[in-house]
Amino acid sequence: MLNNASKKVADAALALGKKAANQACITWFNQPKEPAMMKQFHKVK
């Protein structure tokens, strides 16, 4: 029972983290960038 609850909490935290990461990514992409930075970023991806 406790295990199941903690798994749900972990899943929720993970989902929240993914959402925050996506939002940060979108914000970053919406800002004007240097083309060199974009190339560097795509290389990392």
Protein backbone atom coordinates (compact mmCIF):
# COMPACT_ATOMS: atom_id res chain seq x y z
CA MET A 1 0.00 0.00 0.00
CA LEU A 2 2.71 2.44 1.01
CA ASN A 3 4.77 1.40 -1.99
CA ASN A 4 1.88 2.09 -4.34
CA ALA A 5 1.31 5.54 -2.84
CA SER A 6 4.96 6.52 -3.08
CA LYS A 7 5.03 5.32 -6.69
CA LYS A 8 2.08 7.58 -7.48
CA VAL A 9 3.84 10.51 -5.83
CA ALA A 10 7.03 9.76 -7.78
CA ASP A 11 5.08 9.52 -11.05
CA ALA A 12 3.34 12.82 -10.33
CA ALA A 13 6.65 14.51 -9.53
CA LEU A 14 8.16 13.11 -12.73
CA ALA A 15 5.22 14.34 -14.81
CA LEU A 16 5.49 17.77 -13.19
CA GLY A 17 9.22 17.86 -13.88
CA LYS A 18 8.67 16.93 -17.53
CA LYS A 19 6.04 19.65 -17.87
CA ALA A 20 8.38 22.23 -16.33
CA ALA A 21 11.22 21.12 -18.59
CA ASN A 22 9.00 21.39 -21.67
CA GLN A 23 7.86 24.86 -20.61
CA ALA A 24 11.48 25.98 -20.11
CA CYS A 25 12.37 24.56 -23.53
CA ILE A 26 9.47 26.41 -25.19
CA THR A 27 10.41 29.65 -23.44
CA TRP A 28 14.02 29.22 -24.51
CA PHE A 29 13.04 28.53 -28.14
CA ASN A 30 10.73 31.55 -28.25
CA GLN A 31 13.57 33.92 -27.40
CA PRO A 32 15.76 35.32 -30.19
CA LYS A 33 18.92 33.22 -30.37
CA GLU A 34 22.31 33.25 -31.94
CA PRO A 35 22.45 30.79 -34.87
CA ALA A 36 25.69 29.37 -33.44
CA MET A 37 23.92 28.58 -30.16
CA MET A 38 21.14 26.82 -32.04
CA LYS A 39 23.64 24.67 -33.93
CA GLN A 40 25.36 23.80 -30.66
CA PHE A 41 22.03 22.91 -29.07
CA HIS A 42 20.98 20.65 -31.94
CA LYS A 43 24.34 18.91 -31.82
CA VAL A 44 23.74 18.07 -28.15
CA LYS A 45 20.19 16.82 -28.79
